Full PDB file with SEQRES, HELIX, SHEET, SSBOND, CRYST1, ORIGX, SCALE, CONECT and MASTER records, all heavy atoms in Angstrom:
SEQRES   1 A   35  ALA LYS MET ALA ARG GLU LYS PHE GLU SER LEU GLY TYR          
SEQRES   2 A   35  GLY LEU ASP SER ILE HIS GLU SER PRO ASP PRO THR GLU          
SEQRES   3 A   35  ALA VAL ARG LYS ALA GLU ALA ILE PHE                          
HELIX    1 AA1 LYS A    2  SER A   10  1                                   9    
HELIX    2 AA2 ILE A   18  GLU A   20  5                                   3    
HELIX    3 AA3 PRO A   24  LYS A   30  1                                   7    
CRYST1    1.000    1.000    1.000  90.00  90.00  90.00 P 1           1          
ORIGX1      1.000000  0.000000  0.000000        0.00000                         
ORIGX2      0.000000  1.000000  0.000000        0.00000                         
ORIGX3      0.000000  0.000000  1.000000        0.00000                         
SCALE1      1.000000  0.000000  0.000000        0.00000                         
SCALE2      0.000000  1.000000  0.000000        0.00000                         
SCALE3      0.000000  0.000000  1.000000        0.00000                         
ATOM      1  N   ALA A   1       0.827  -1.204  -0.008  1.00  0.00           N  
ATOM      2  CA  ALA A   1      -0.002   0.005   0.002  1.00  0.00           C  
ATOM      3  C   ALA A   1       0.863   1.261   0.002  1.00  0.00           C  
ATOM      4  O   ALA A   1       0.527   2.255  -0.651  1.00  0.00           O  
ATOM      5  CB  ALA A   1      -0.932  -0.002   1.215  1.00  0.00           C  
ATOM      6  N   LYS A   2       1.975   1.215   0.722  1.00  0.00           N  
ATOM      7  CA  LYS A   2       2.884   2.363   0.760  1.00  0.00           C  
ATOM      8  C   LYS A   2       3.433   2.677  -0.625  1.00  0.00           C  
ATOM      9  O   LYS A   2       3.465   3.832  -1.067  1.00  0.00           O  
ATOM     10  CB  LYS A   2       4.034   2.093   1.736  1.00  0.00           C  
ATOM     11  CG  LYS A   2       5.036   3.234   1.874  1.00  0.00           C  
ATOM     12  CD  LYS A   2       6.071   2.900   2.920  1.00  0.00           C  
ATOM     13  CE  LYS A   2       7.057   4.062   3.127  1.00  0.00           C  
ATOM     14  NZ  LYS A   2       7.907   4.277   1.922  1.00  0.00           N  
ATOM     15  N   MET A   3       3.861   1.629  -1.342  1.00  0.00           N  
ATOM     16  CA  MET A   3       4.397   1.830  -2.689  1.00  0.00           C  
ATOM     17  C   MET A   3       3.325   2.363  -3.635  1.00  0.00           C  
ATOM     18  O   MET A   3       3.561   3.304  -4.396  1.00  0.00           O  
ATOM     19  CB  MET A   3       4.937   0.496  -3.234  1.00  0.00           C  
ATOM     20  CG  MET A   3       5.502   0.601  -4.651  1.00  0.00           C  
ATOM     21  SD  MET A   3       6.323  -0.932  -5.173  1.00  0.00           S  
ATOM     22  CE  MET A   3       4.934  -2.088  -5.195  1.00  0.00           C  
ATOM     23  N   ALA A   4       2.123   1.789  -3.585  1.00  0.00           N  
ATOM     24  CA  ALA A   4       1.034   2.254  -4.454  1.00  0.00           C  
ATOM     25  C   ALA A   4       0.631   3.698  -4.108  1.00  0.00           C  
ATOM     26  O   ALA A   4       0.379   4.512  -4.989  1.00  0.00           O  
ATOM     27  CB  ALA A   4      -0.164   1.320  -4.344  1.00  0.00           C  
ATOM     28  N   ARG A   5       0.565   3.996  -2.810  1.00  0.00           N  
ATOM     29  CA  ARG A   5       0.179   5.340  -2.390  1.00  0.00           C  
ATOM     30  C   ARG A   5       1.169   6.398  -2.902  1.00  0.00           C  
ATOM     31  O   ARG A   5       0.766   7.463  -3.402  1.00  0.00           O  
ATOM     32  CB  ARG A   5       0.070   5.392  -0.863  1.00  0.00           C  
ATOM     33  CG  ARG A   5      -0.385   6.751  -0.326  1.00  0.00           C  
ATOM     34  CD  ARG A   5      -0.623   6.703   1.170  1.00  0.00           C  
ATOM     35  NE  ARG A   5      -1.853   5.971   1.472  1.00  0.00           N  
ATOM     36  CZ  ARG A   5      -1.897   4.816   2.165  1.00  0.00           C  
ATOM     37  NH1 ARG A   5      -0.772   4.271   2.613  1.00  0.00           N  
ATOM     38  NH2 ARG A   5      -3.050   4.237   2.409  1.00  0.00           N  
ATOM     39  N   GLU A   6       2.437   6.093  -2.783  1.00  0.00           N  
ATOM     40  CA  GLU A   6       3.460   7.040  -3.244  1.00  0.00           C  
ATOM     41  C   GLU A   6       3.326   7.276  -4.755  1.00  0.00           C  
ATOM     42  O   GLU A   6       3.462   8.412  -5.221  1.00  0.00           O  
ATOM     43  CB  GLU A   6       4.856   6.521  -2.893  1.00  0.00           C  
ATOM     44  CG  GLU A   6       5.181   6.575  -1.416  1.00  0.00           C  
ATOM     45  CD  GLU A   6       6.498   5.921  -1.075  1.00  0.00           C  
ATOM     46  OE1 GLU A   6       7.115   5.306  -1.984  1.00  0.00           O  
ATOM     47  OE2 GLU A   6       6.916   6.017   0.090  1.00  0.00           O  
ATOM     48  N   LYS A   7       3.046   6.227  -5.494  1.00  0.00           N  
ATOM     49  CA  LYS A   7       2.942   6.386  -6.938  1.00  0.00           C  
ATOM     50  C   LYS A   7       1.714   7.203  -7.309  1.00  0.00           C  
ATOM     51  O   LYS A   7       1.802   8.158  -8.112  1.00  0.00           O  
ATOM     52  CB  LYS A   7       2.872   5.014  -7.629  1.00  0.00           C  
ATOM     53  CG  LYS A   7       2.796   5.088  -9.141  1.00  0.00           C  
ATOM     54  CD  LYS A   7       4.036   5.802  -9.701  1.00  0.00           C  
ATOM     55  CE  LYS A   7       3.948   5.982 -11.197  1.00  0.00           C  
ATOM     56  NZ  LYS A   7       5.172   6.629 -11.737  1.00  0.00           N  
ATOM     57  N   PHE A   8       0.576   6.865  -6.749  1.00  0.00           N  
ATOM     58  CA  PHE A   8      -0.648   7.582  -7.115  1.00  0.00           C  
ATOM     59  C   PHE A   8      -0.635   9.010  -6.617  1.00  0.00           C  
ATOM     60  O   PHE A   8      -1.165   9.915  -7.289  1.00  0.00           O  
ATOM     61  CB  PHE A   8      -1.898   6.820  -6.667  1.00  0.00           C  
ATOM     62  CG  PHE A   8      -2.299   5.733  -7.616  1.00  0.00           C  
ATOM     63  CD1 PHE A   8      -1.806   4.457  -7.480  1.00  0.00           C  
ATOM     64  CD2 PHE A   8      -3.163   6.012  -8.660  1.00  0.00           C  
ATOM     65  CE1 PHE A   8      -2.167   3.465  -8.381  1.00  0.00           C  
ATOM     66  CE2 PHE A   8      -3.534   5.033  -9.568  1.00  0.00           C  
ATOM     67  CZ  PHE A   8      -3.019   3.759  -9.438  1.00  0.00           C  
ATOM     68  N   GLU A   9      -0.022   9.259  -5.470  1.00  0.00           N  
ATOM     69  CA  GLU A   9       0.097  10.639  -5.005  1.00  0.00           C  
ATOM     70  C   GLU A   9       0.978  11.455  -5.947  1.00  0.00           C  
ATOM     71  O   GLU A   9       0.715  12.640  -6.171  1.00  0.00           O  
ATOM     72  CB  GLU A   9       0.645  10.670  -3.571  1.00  0.00           C  
ATOM     73  CG  GLU A   9      -0.402  10.245  -2.526  1.00  0.00           C  
ATOM     74  CD  GLU A   9       0.151  10.261  -1.119  1.00  0.00           C  
ATOM     75  OE1 GLU A   9       1.394  10.412  -0.952  1.00  0.00           O  
ATOM     76  OE2 GLU A   9      -0.648  10.123  -0.172  1.00  0.00           O  
ATOM     77  N   SER A  10       1.993  10.829  -6.536  1.00  0.00           N  
ATOM     78  CA  SER A  10       2.847  11.526  -7.500  1.00  0.00           C  
ATOM     79  C   SER A  10       2.081  11.869  -8.777  1.00  0.00           C  
ATOM     80  O   SER A  10       2.454  12.786  -9.517  1.00  0.00           O  
ATOM     81  CB  SER A  10       4.061  10.671  -7.863  1.00  0.00           C  
ATOM     82  OG  SER A  10       3.732   9.621  -8.747  1.00  0.00           O  
ATOM     83  N   LEU A  11       0.975  11.149  -9.026  1.00  0.00           N  
ATOM     84  CA  LEU A  11       0.121  11.417 -10.185  1.00  0.00           C  
ATOM     85  C   LEU A  11      -1.018  12.361  -9.844  1.00  0.00           C  
ATOM     86  O   LEU A  11      -1.814  12.715 -10.732  1.00  0.00           O  
ATOM     87  CB  LEU A  11      -0.442  10.100 -10.736  1.00  0.00           C  
ATOM     88  CG  LEU A  11       0.582   9.073 -11.235  1.00  0.00           C  
ATOM     89  CD1 LEU A  11      -0.127   7.797 -11.680  1.00  0.00           C  
ATOM     90  CD2 LEU A  11       1.425   9.634 -12.362  1.00  0.00           C  
ATOM     91  N   GLY A  12      -1.123  12.735  -8.568  1.00  0.00           N  
ATOM     92  CA  GLY A  12      -2.153  13.687  -8.159  1.00  0.00           C  
ATOM     93  C   GLY A  12      -3.401  13.077  -7.551  1.00  0.00           C  
ATOM     94  O   GLY A  12      -4.426  13.756  -7.417  1.00  0.00           O  
ATOM     95  N   TYR A  13      -3.324  11.795  -7.155  1.00  0.00           N  
ATOM     96  CA  TYR A  13      -4.479  11.098  -6.582  1.00  0.00           C  
ATOM     97  C   TYR A  13      -4.188  10.632  -5.178  1.00  0.00           C  
ATOM     98  O   TYR A  13      -3.084  10.178  -4.882  1.00  0.00           O  
ATOM     99  CB  TYR A  13      -4.854   9.884  -7.437  1.00  0.00           C  
ATOM    100  CG  TYR A  13      -5.207  10.215  -8.876  1.00  0.00           C  
ATOM    101  CD1 TYR A  13      -4.257  10.071  -9.879  1.00  0.00           C  
ATOM    102  CD2 TYR A  13      -6.468  10.687  -9.215  1.00  0.00           C  
ATOM    103  CE1 TYR A  13      -4.570  10.376 -11.189  1.00  0.00           C  
ATOM    104  CE2 TYR A  13      -6.788  11.003 -10.530  1.00  0.00           C  
ATOM    105  CZ  TYR A  13      -5.822  10.852 -11.510  1.00  0.00           C  
ATOM    106  OH  TYR A  13      -6.112  11.170 -12.817  1.00  0.00           O  
ATOM    107  N   GLY A  14      -5.175  10.741  -4.297  1.00  0.00           N  
ATOM    108  CA  GLY A  14      -5.077  10.117  -2.982  1.00  0.00           C  
ATOM    109  C   GLY A  14      -5.339   8.624  -3.105  1.00  0.00           C  
ATOM    110  O   GLY A  14      -5.941   8.158  -4.080  1.00  0.00           O  
ATOM    111  N   LEU A  15      -4.867   7.853  -2.131  1.00  0.00           N  
ATOM    112  CA  LEU A  15      -5.072   6.402  -2.169  1.00  0.00           C  
ATOM    113  C   LEU A  15      -5.385   5.876  -0.787  1.00  0.00           C  
ATOM    114  O   LEU A  15      -4.691   6.192   0.185  1.00  0.00           O  
ATOM    115  CB  LEU A  15      -3.835   5.703  -2.744  1.00  0.00           C  
ATOM    116  CG  LEU A  15      -3.938   4.188  -2.921  1.00  0.00           C  
ATOM    117  CD1 LEU A  15      -3.268   3.723  -4.222  1.00  0.00           C  
ATOM    118  CD2 LEU A  15      -3.321   3.448  -1.720  1.00  0.00           C  
ATOM    119  N   ASP A  16      -6.460   5.110  -0.704  1.00  0.00           N  
ATOM    120  CA  ASP A  16      -6.845   4.392   0.516  1.00  0.00           C  
ATOM    121  C   ASP A  16      -6.704   2.896   0.248  1.00  0.00           C  
ATOM    122  O   ASP A  16      -7.165   2.411  -0.784  1.00  0.00           O  
ATOM    123  CB  ASP A  16      -8.294   4.717   0.897  1.00  0.00           C  
ATOM    124  CG  ASP A  16      -8.522   6.205   1.112  1.00  0.00           C  
ATOM    125  OD1 ASP A  16      -7.825   6.785   1.966  1.00  0.00           O  
ATOM    126  OD2 ASP A  16      -9.370   6.781   0.416  1.00  0.00           O  
ATOM    127  N   SER A  17      -6.062   2.201   1.165  1.00  0.00           N  
ATOM    128  CA  SER A  17      -5.920   0.750   1.002  1.00  0.00           C  
ATOM    129  C   SER A  17      -7.036   0.035   1.728  1.00  0.00           C  
ATOM    130  O   SER A  17      -7.324   0.323   2.888  1.00  0.00           O  
ATOM    131  CB  SER A  17      -4.567   0.275   1.525  1.00  0.00           C  
ATOM    132  OG  SER A  17      -4.394  -1.099   1.237  1.00  0.00           O  
ATOM    133  N   ILE A  18      -7.661  -0.907   1.060  1.00  0.00           N  
ATOM    134  CA  ILE A  18      -8.841  -1.575   1.618  1.00  0.00           C  
ATOM    135  C   ILE A  18      -8.499  -2.357   2.875  1.00  0.00           C  
ATOM    136  O   ILE A  18      -9.376  -2.538   3.734  1.00  0.00           O  
ATOM    137  CB  ILE A  18      -9.494  -2.465   0.560  1.00  0.00           C  
ATOM    138  CG1 ILE A  18     -10.934  -2.819   0.966  1.00  0.00           C  
ATOM    139  CG2 ILE A  18      -8.669  -3.714   0.273  1.00  0.00           C  
ATOM    140  CD1 ILE A  18     -11.730  -3.460  -0.162  1.00  0.00           C  
ATOM    141  N   HIS A  19      -7.263  -2.798   3.013  1.00  0.00           N  
ATOM    142  CA  HIS A  19      -6.907  -3.585   4.214  1.00  0.00           C  
ATOM    143  C   HIS A  19      -6.895  -2.735   5.468  1.00  0.00           C  
ATOM    144  O   HIS A  19      -6.889  -3.259   6.584  1.00  0.00           O  
ATOM    145  CB  HIS A  19      -5.563  -4.287   4.012  1.00  0.00           C  
ATOM    146  CG  HIS A  19      -4.364  -3.450   4.282  1.00  0.00           C  
ATOM    147  ND1 HIS A  19      -3.928  -2.479   3.406  1.00  0.00           N  
ATOM    148  CD2 HIS A  19      -3.526  -3.411   5.342  1.00  0.00           C  
ATOM    149  CE1 HIS A  19      -2.841  -1.893   3.899  1.00  0.00           C  
ATOM    150  NE2 HIS A  19      -2.590  -2.441   5.085  1.00  0.00           N  
ATOM    151  N   GLU A  20      -6.878  -1.421   5.308  1.00  0.00           N  
ATOM    152  CA  GLU A  20      -6.899  -0.510   6.451  1.00  0.00           C  
ATOM    153  C   GLU A  20      -8.320  -0.160   6.892  1.00  0.00           C  
ATOM    154  O   GLU A  20      -8.490   0.495   7.929  1.00  0.00           O  
ATOM    155  CB  GLU A  20      -6.148   0.782   6.087  1.00  0.00           C  
ATOM    156  CG  GLU A  20      -4.672   0.550   5.742  1.00  0.00           C  
ATOM    157  CD  GLU A  20      -4.031   1.746   5.071  1.00  0.00           C  
ATOM    158  OE1 GLU A  20      -4.762   2.636   4.596  1.00  0.00           O  
ATOM    159  OE2 GLU A  20      -2.786   1.770   4.999  1.00  0.00           O  
ATOM    160  N   SER A  21      -9.306  -0.580   6.106  1.00  0.00           N  
ATOM    161  CA  SER A  21     -10.681  -0.246   6.411  1.00  0.00           C  
ATOM    162  C   SER A  21     -11.298  -1.251   7.366  1.00  0.00           C  
ATOM    163  O   SER A  21     -11.151  -2.469   7.190  1.00  0.00           O  
ATOM    164  CB  SER A  21     -11.517  -0.192   5.125  1.00  0.00           C  
ATOM    165  OG  SER A  21     -12.887  -0.030   5.429  1.00  0.00           O  
ATOM    166  N   PRO A  22     -12.053  -0.807   8.392  1.00  0.00           N  
ATOM    167  CA  PRO A  22     -12.744  -1.741   9.274  1.00  0.00           C  
ATOM    168  C   PRO A  22     -13.903  -2.451   8.589  1.00  0.00           C  
ATOM    169  O   PRO A  22     -14.371  -3.492   9.048  1.00  0.00           O  
ATOM    170  CB  PRO A  22     -13.237  -0.852  10.420  1.00  0.00           C  
ATOM    171  CG  PRO A  22     -13.347   0.515   9.801  1.00  0.00           C  
ATOM    172  CD  PRO A  22     -12.254   0.602   8.795  1.00  0.00           C  
ATOM    173  N   ASP A  23     -14.374  -1.900   7.462  1.00  0.00           N  
ATOM    174  CA  ASP A  23     -15.491  -2.471   6.732  1.00  0.00           C  
ATOM    175  C   ASP A  23     -15.153  -2.448   5.243  1.00  0.00           C  
ATOM    176  O   ASP A  23     -15.478  -1.470   4.543  1.00  0.00           O  
ATOM    177  CB  ASP A  23     -16.772  -1.683   7.001  1.00  0.00           C  
ATOM    178  CG  ASP A  23     -18.020  -2.341   6.421  1.00  0.00           C  
ATOM    179  OD1 ASP A  23     -17.863  -3.200   5.520  1.00  0.00           O  
ATOM    180  OD2 ASP A  23     -19.132  -1.994   6.835  1.00  0.00           O  
ATOM    181  N   PRO A  24     -14.499  -3.491   4.702  1.00  0.00           N  
ATOM    182  CA  PRO A  24     -14.091  -3.494   3.307  1.00  0.00           C  
ATOM    183  C   PRO A  24     -15.256  -3.318   2.326  1.00  0.00           C  
ATOM    184  O   PRO A  24     -15.111  -2.634   1.294  1.00  0.00           O  
ATOM    185  CB  PRO A  24     -13.442  -4.868   3.123  1.00  0.00           C  
ATOM    186  CG  PRO A  24     -12.960  -5.221   4.501  1.00  0.00           C  
ATOM    187  CD  PRO A  24     -13.988  -4.685   5.418  1.00  0.00           C  
ATOM    188  N   THR A  25     -16.409  -3.898   2.637  1.00  0.00           N  
ATOM    189  CA  THR A  25     -17.560  -3.750   1.745  1.00  0.00           C  
ATOM    190  C   THR A  25     -18.008  -2.305   1.650  1.00  0.00           C  
ATOM    191  O   THR A  25     -18.325  -1.794   0.572  1.00  0.00           O  
ATOM    192  CB  THR A  25     -18.732  -4.625   2.229  1.00  0.00           C  
ATOM    193  OG1 THR A  25     -18.325  -5.989   2.257  1.00  0.00           O  
ATOM    194  CG2 THR A  25     -19.940  -4.483   1.308  1.00  0.00           C  
ATOM    195  N   GLU A  26     -18.022  -1.598   2.775  1.00  0.00           N  
ATOM    196  CA  GLU A  26     -18.384  -0.192   2.783  1.00  0.00           C  
ATOM    197  C   GLU A  26     -17.340   0.633   2.034  1.00  0.00           C  
ATOM    198  O   GLU A  26     -17.688   1.608   1.347  1.00  0.00           O  
ATOM    199  CB  GLU A  26     -18.500   0.312   4.229  1.00  0.00           C  
ATOM    200  CG  GLU A  26     -18.949   1.762   4.351  1.00  0.00           C  
ATOM    201  CD  GLU A  26     -20.382   2.002   3.922  1.00  0.00           C  
ATOM    202  OE1 GLU A  26     -21.114   1.022   3.608  1.00  0.00           O  
ATOM    203  OE2 GLU A  26     -20.779   3.176   3.877  1.00  0.00           O  
ATOM    204  N   ALA A  27     -16.092   0.246   2.140  1.00  0.00           N  
ATOM    205  CA  ALA A  27     -15.034   0.940   1.392  1.00  0.00           C  
ATOM    206  C   ALA A  27     -15.261   0.820  -0.106  1.00  0.00           C  
ATOM    207  O   ALA A  27     -15.096   1.790  -0.862  1.00  0.00           O  
ATOM    208  CB  ALA A  27     -13.659   0.385   1.767  1.00  0.00           C  
ATOM    209  N   VAL A  28     -15.666  -0.354  -0.546  1.00  0.00           N  
ATOM    210  CA  VAL A  28     -15.983  -0.550  -1.972  1.00  0.00           C  
ATOM    211  C   VAL A  28     -17.192   0.288  -2.356  1.00  0.00           C  
ATOM    212  O   VAL A  28     -17.211   0.935  -3.418  1.00  0.00           O  
ATOM    213  CB  VAL A  28     -16.228  -2.044  -2.288  1.00  0.00           C  
ATOM    214  CG1 VAL A  28     -16.799  -2.214  -3.693  1.00  0.00           C  
ATOM    215  CG2 VAL A  28     -14.932  -2.826  -2.138  1.00  0.00           C  
ATOM    216  N   ARG A  29     -18.191   0.323  -1.502  1.00  0.00           N  
ATOM    217  CA  ARG A  29     -19.423   1.058  -1.795  1.00  0.00           C  
ATOM    218  C   ARG A  29     -19.159   2.542  -1.958  1.00  0.00           C  
ATOM    219  O   ARG A  29     -19.818   3.208  -2.756  1.00  0.00           O  
ATOM    220  CB  ARG A  29     -20.446   0.831  -0.671  1.00  0.00           C  
ATOM    221  CG  ARG A  29     -21.845   1.337  -1.019  1.00  0.00           C  
ATOM    222  CD  ARG A  29     -22.787   1.192   0.175  1.00  0.00           C  
ATOM    223  NE  ARG A  29     -22.469   2.096   1.246  1.00  0.00           N  
ATOM    224  CZ  ARG A  29     -22.814   3.388   1.275  1.00  0.00           C  
ATOM    225  NH1 ARG A  29     -23.488   3.910   0.249  1.00  0.00           N  
ATOM    226  NH2 ARG A  29     -22.507   4.155   2.299  1.00  0.00           N  
ATOM    227  N   LYS A  30     -18.159   3.068  -1.229  1.00  0.00           N  
ATOM    228  CA  LYS A  30     -17.871   4.497  -1.274  1.00  0.00           C  
ATOM    229  C   LYS A  30     -16.753   4.856  -2.263  1.00  0.00           C  
ATOM    230  O   LYS A  30     -16.468   6.028  -2.469  1.00  0.00           O  
ATOM    231  CB  LYS A  30     -17.484   4.986   0.110  1.00  0.00           C  
ATOM    232  CG  LYS A  30     -18.613   4.968   1.123  1.00  0.00           C  
ATOM    233  CD  LYS A  30     -18.151   5.486   2.473  1.00  0.00           C  
ATOM    234  CE  LYS A  30     -19.304   5.554   3.461  1.00  0.00           C  
ATOM    235  NZ  LYS A  30     -18.832   6.048   4.798  1.00  0.00           N  
ATOM    236  N   ALA A  31     -16.129   3.861  -2.859  1.00  0.00           N  
ATOM    237  CA  ALA A  31     -14.952   4.107  -3.696  1.00  0.00           C  
ATOM    238  C   ALA A  31     -15.278   4.920  -4.950  1.00  0.00           C  
ATOM    239  O   ALA A  31     -16.317   4.717  -5.574  1.00  0.00           O  
ATOM    240  CB  ALA A  31     -14.299   2.792  -4.103  1.00  0.00           C  
ATOM    241  N   GLU A  32     -14.383   5.829  -5.296  1.00  0.00           N  
ATOM    242  CA  GLU A  32     -14.492   6.569  -6.560  1.00  0.00           C  
ATOM    243  C   GLU A  32     -13.884   5.782  -7.713  1.00  0.00           C  
ATOM    244  O   GLU A  32     -14.281   5.937  -8.866  1.00  0.00           O  
ATOM    245  CB  GLU A  32     -13.746   7.916  -6.429  1.00  0.00           C  
ATOM    246  CG  GLU A  32     -14.281   8.848  -5.388  1.00  0.00           C  
ATOM    247  CD  GLU A  32     -13.430  10.104  -5.308  1.00  0.00           C  
ATOM    248  OE1 GLU A  32     -13.082  10.683  -6.351  1.00  0.00           O  
ATOM    249  OE2 GLU A  32     -13.082  10.507  -4.178  1.00  0.00           O  
ATOM    250  N   ALA A  33     -12.884   4.969  -7.404  1.00  0.00           N  
ATOM    251  CA  ALA A  33     -12.216   4.111  -8.397  1.00  0.00           C  
ATOM    252  C   ALA A  33     -11.519   3.006  -7.618  1.00  0.00           C  
ATOM    253  O   ALA A  33     -11.176   3.155  -6.449  1.00  0.00           O  
ATOM    254  CB  ALA A  33     -11.206   4.912  -9.203  1.00  0.00           C  
ATOM    255  N   ILE A  34     -11.294   1.877  -8.282  1.00  0.00           N  
ATOM    256  CA  ILE A  34     -10.669   0.706  -7.644  1.00  0.00           C  
ATOM    257  C   ILE A  34      -9.425   0.336  -8.445  1.00  0.00           C  
ATOM    258  O   ILE A  34      -9.469   0.242  -9.675  1.00  0.00           O  
ATOM    259  CB  ILE A  34     -11.636  -0.481  -7.586  1.00  0.00           C  
ATOM    260  CG1 ILE A  34     -12.818  -0.152  -6.657  1.00  0.00           C  
ATOM    261  CG2 ILE A  34     -10.931  -1.753  -7.108  1.00  0.00           C  
ATOM    262  CD1 ILE A  34     -13.904  -1.204  -6.653  1.00  0.00           C  
ATOM    263  N   PHE A  35      -8.332   0.071  -7.730  1.00  0.00           N  
ATOM    264  CA  PHE A  35      -7.112  -0.456  -8.312  1.00  0.00           C  
ATOM    265  C   PHE A  35      -6.725  -1.730  -7.590  1.00  0.00           C  
ATOM    266  O   PHE A  35      -6.500  -1.727  -6.384  1.00  0.00           O  
ATOM    267  CB  PHE A  35      -5.964   0.568  -8.254  1.00  0.00           C  
ATOM    268  CG  PHE A  35      -4.617   0.008  -8.639  1.00  0.00           C  
ATOM    269  CD1 PHE A  35      -4.473  -0.811  -9.748  1.00  0.00           C  
ATOM    270  CD2 PHE A  35      -3.490   0.293  -7.868  1.00  0.00           C  
ATOM    271  CE1 PHE A  35      -3.230  -1.333 -10.092  1.00  0.00           C  
ATOM    272  CE2 PHE A  35      -2.258  -0.202  -8.200  1.00  0.00           C  
ATOM    273  CZ  PHE A  35      -2.124  -1.021  -9.321  1.00  0.00           C  
TER     274      PHE A  35                                                      
MASTER        0    0    0    3    0    0    0    6  273    1    0    3          
END                                                                             
């Protein structure tokens, strides 16, 4: 997640990793995009 976050932030996007979410299904429901 750290590697992916650094890359996407360099492209101008924030990144949330699903493994950090207490409710992965809710994280998917609220996601703007999935990688």
